[in-house]
Amino acid sequence: MKILTLLWANLRSGVMTLRFPKRPAVSEGYRGLVRFDPALCIGCAMCRFRCTSRAITFEAGKTDFTWSYDPGRCTFCGRCVEGCKDHALWQERACPPVYLNAGALRQSWTLPRRPPARKPSTASEPVAANAGGGVS
């Protein structure tokens, strides 16, 4: 008889699912698609090394590099975003769009290589030839 009580309660509560294309609101801390700002990227490829699902690919050349992202392979873990020291990556708070073909959301950029930023040199005292403190 408990099953009949459960069925009756479910029928009284009404429809609980949303009809397409409606979507539920995203929760706090939701991690969606990875977005890329090519102006901030220096081409270190740390994001590729941290991506466990291989959604990010990186092909380096002598004068340029190609950065690609395939959301169909992404697990939205956020490791690539955490590893990007230049803040060239972030994740959207919206749900990804619906797509019908594999690779439809794939994005790719070919960018010129930039030399690493030089740290300002400080005018410090020159290192002595026998700095180890040993006996001469």
Protein backbone atom coordinates (compact mmCIF):
# COMPACT_ATOMS: atom_id res chain seq x y z
CA MET A 1 0.00 0.00 0.00
CA LYS A 2 2.98 2.32 0.39
CA ILE A 3 3.47 2.32 -3.37
CA LEU A 4 -0.05 3.64 -3.93
CA THR A 5 0.58 6.45 -1.44
CA LEU A 6 3.81 7.33 -3.24
CA LEU A 7 2.11 7.32 -6.65
CA TRP A 8 -0.72 9.51 -5.37
CA ALA A 9 1.77 12.02 -3.88
CA ASN A 10 3.68 12.17 -7.17
CA LEU A 11 0.52 12.76 -9.20
CA ARG A 12 -0.59 15.57 -6.89
CA SER A 13 2.76 17.38 -7.06
CA GLY A 14 2.50 17.87 -10.83
CA VAL A 15 5.19 17.97 -13.52
CA MET A 16 8.69 18.57 -12.17
CA THR A 17 10.74 18.52 -15.38
CA LEU A 18 11.41 21.53 -17.57
CA ARG A 19 10.49 21.36 -21.22
CA PHE A 20 13.24 22.06 -23.75
CA PRO A 21 14.65 24.76 -24.34
CA LYS A 22 14.12 25.90 -20.72
CA ARG A 23 17.02 25.22 -18.38
CA PRO A 24 17.36 25.35 -14.63
CA ALA A 25 19.37 28.20 -13.14
CA VAL A 26 23.04 27.40 -12.63
CA SER A 27 24.25 26.99 -9.07
CA GLU A 28 26.95 29.03 -7.36
CA GLY A 29 30.41 27.87 -8.40
CA TYR A 30 29.23 26.28 -11.66
CA ARG A 31 32.11 25.74 -14.09
CA GLY A 32 31.17 25.94 -17.77
CA LEU A 33 33.06 26.36 -21.02
CA VAL A 34 36.68 27.44 -20.90
CA ARG A 35 37.24 30.81 -22.54
CA PHE A 36 40.56 32.06 -23.90
CA ASP A 37 41.99 35.56 -24.25
CA PRO A 38 44.74 35.39 -26.89
CA ALA A 39 46.07 38.83 -25.92
CA LEU A 40 47.11 37.52 -22.49
CA CYS A 41 48.56 34.17 -23.54
CA ILE A 42 52.36 33.85 -23.63
CA GLY A 43 52.37 30.32 -25.04
CA CYS A 44 53.70 28.44 -22.02
CA ALA A 45 51.37 25.45 -22.70
CA MET A 46 50.82 24.85 -18.98
CA CYS A 47 47.08 24.53 -19.68
CA ARG A 48 47.72 21.65 -22.06
CA PHE A 49 49.81 19.80 -19.49
CA ARG A 50 47.15 20.25 -16.80
CA CYS A 51 44.23 19.17 -19.04
CA THR A 52 43.59 15.52 -18.14
CA SER A 53 40.88 15.05 -20.78
CA ARG A 54 43.08 16.37 -23.61
CA ALA A 55 40.50 18.97 -24.56
CA ILE A 56 43.29 21.55 -24.97
CA THR A 57 45.92 20.99 -27.61
CA PHE A 58 49.01 23.09 -28.19
CA GLU A 59 51.29 22.95 -31.23
CA ALA A 60 54.45 25.01 -31.04
CA GLY A 61 56.41 26.37 -33.97
CA LYS A 62 59.50 28.55 -34.17
CA THR A 63 57.64 31.81 -34.68
CA ASP A 64 54.06 30.95 -33.67
CA PHE A 65 51.91 28.47 -31.78
CA THR A 66 48.40 27.07 -32.19
CA TRP A 67 46.12 26.77 -29.16
CA SER A 68 42.91 24.70 -29.56
CA TYR A 69 40.04 23.80 -27.24
CA ASP A 70 37.36 21.15 -27.82
CA PRO A 71 34.49 21.43 -25.29
CA GLY A 72 33.18 18.02 -26.38
CA ARG A 73 36.17 16.42 -24.64
CA CYS A 74 36.28 18.80 -21.66
CA THR A 75 35.29 17.61 -18.17
CA PHE A 76 35.08 21.23 -16.89
CA CYS A 77 37.40 20.45 -13.97
CA GLY A 78 39.09 23.88 -14.10
CA ARG A 79 42.66 22.62 -13.77
CA CYS A 80 43.72 24.54 -16.88
CA VAL A 81 42.32 27.78 -15.46
CA GLU A 82 44.10 27.23 -12.14
CA GLY A 83 47.41 26.62 -13.93
CA CYS A 84 47.27 29.71 -16.16
CA LYS A 85 49.51 32.25 -14.44
CA ASP A 86 48.74 34.95 -17.02
CA HIS A 87 44.94 34.67 -16.55
CA ALA A 88 44.37 34.00 -20.24
CA LEU A 89 41.78 31.33 -19.35
CA TRP A 90 38.54 31.51 -17.39
CA GLN A 91 35.31 29.53 -17.23
CA GLU A 92 31.83 30.76 -18.05
CA ARG A 93 29.03 30.58 -15.54
CA ALA A 94 26.46 29.68 -18.24
CA CYS A 95 25.57 26.22 -19.49
CA PRO A 96 27.25 25.25 -22.79
CA PRO A 97 25.09 25.57 -25.92
CA VAL A 98 23.47 22.52 -27.46
CA TYR A 99 25.39 21.13 -30.44
CA LEU A 100 24.64 18.29 -32.83
CA ASN A 101 28.00 17.54 -34.47
CA ALA A 102 31.20 16.48 -32.75
CA GLY A 103 33.69 19.32 -32.84
CA ALA A 104 31.05 21.97 -33.54
CA LEU A 105 32.21 24.08 -30.58
CA ARG A 106 35.93 23.54 -31.21
CA GLN A 107 37.97 26.74 -31.17
CA SER A 108 41.50 27.33 -32.42
CA TRP A 109 43.90 30.28 -32.49
CA THR A 110 47.29 30.67 -34.15
CA LEU A 111 49.31 33.30 -32.36
CA PRO A 112 52.84 34.71 -32.75
CA ARG A 113 55.34 33.76 -30.08
CA ARG A 114 56.22 36.49 -27.65
CA PRO A 115 59.54 36.54 -25.85
CA PRO A 116 59.24 36.02 -22.10
CA ALA A 117 59.11 39.22 -20.10
CA ARG A 118 62.49 40.14 -18.69
CA LYS A 119 62.70 40.75 -15.00
CA PRO A 120 64.24 44.09 -14.10
CA SER A 121 67.85 43.66 -13.10
CA THR A 122 68.86 45.09 -9.78
CA ALA A 123 72.17 46.82 -9.33
CA SER A 124 73.60 44.53 -6.69
CA GLU A 125 77.15 44.03 -5.58
CA PRO A 126 79.24 41.83 -7.83
CA VAL A 127 79.80 38.33 -6.60
CA ALA A 128 83.28 37.80 -5.22
CA ALA A 129 85.46 35.18 -6.89
CA ASN A 130 85.81 33.24 -3.64
CA ALA A 131 82.33 33.64 -2.25
CA GLY A 132 82.31 30.16 -0.75
CA GLY A 133 84.32 31.32 2.26
CA GLY A 134 87.08 28.77 1.74
CA VAL A 135 90.71 29.35 2.55
CA SER A 136 92.86 30.65 -0.31
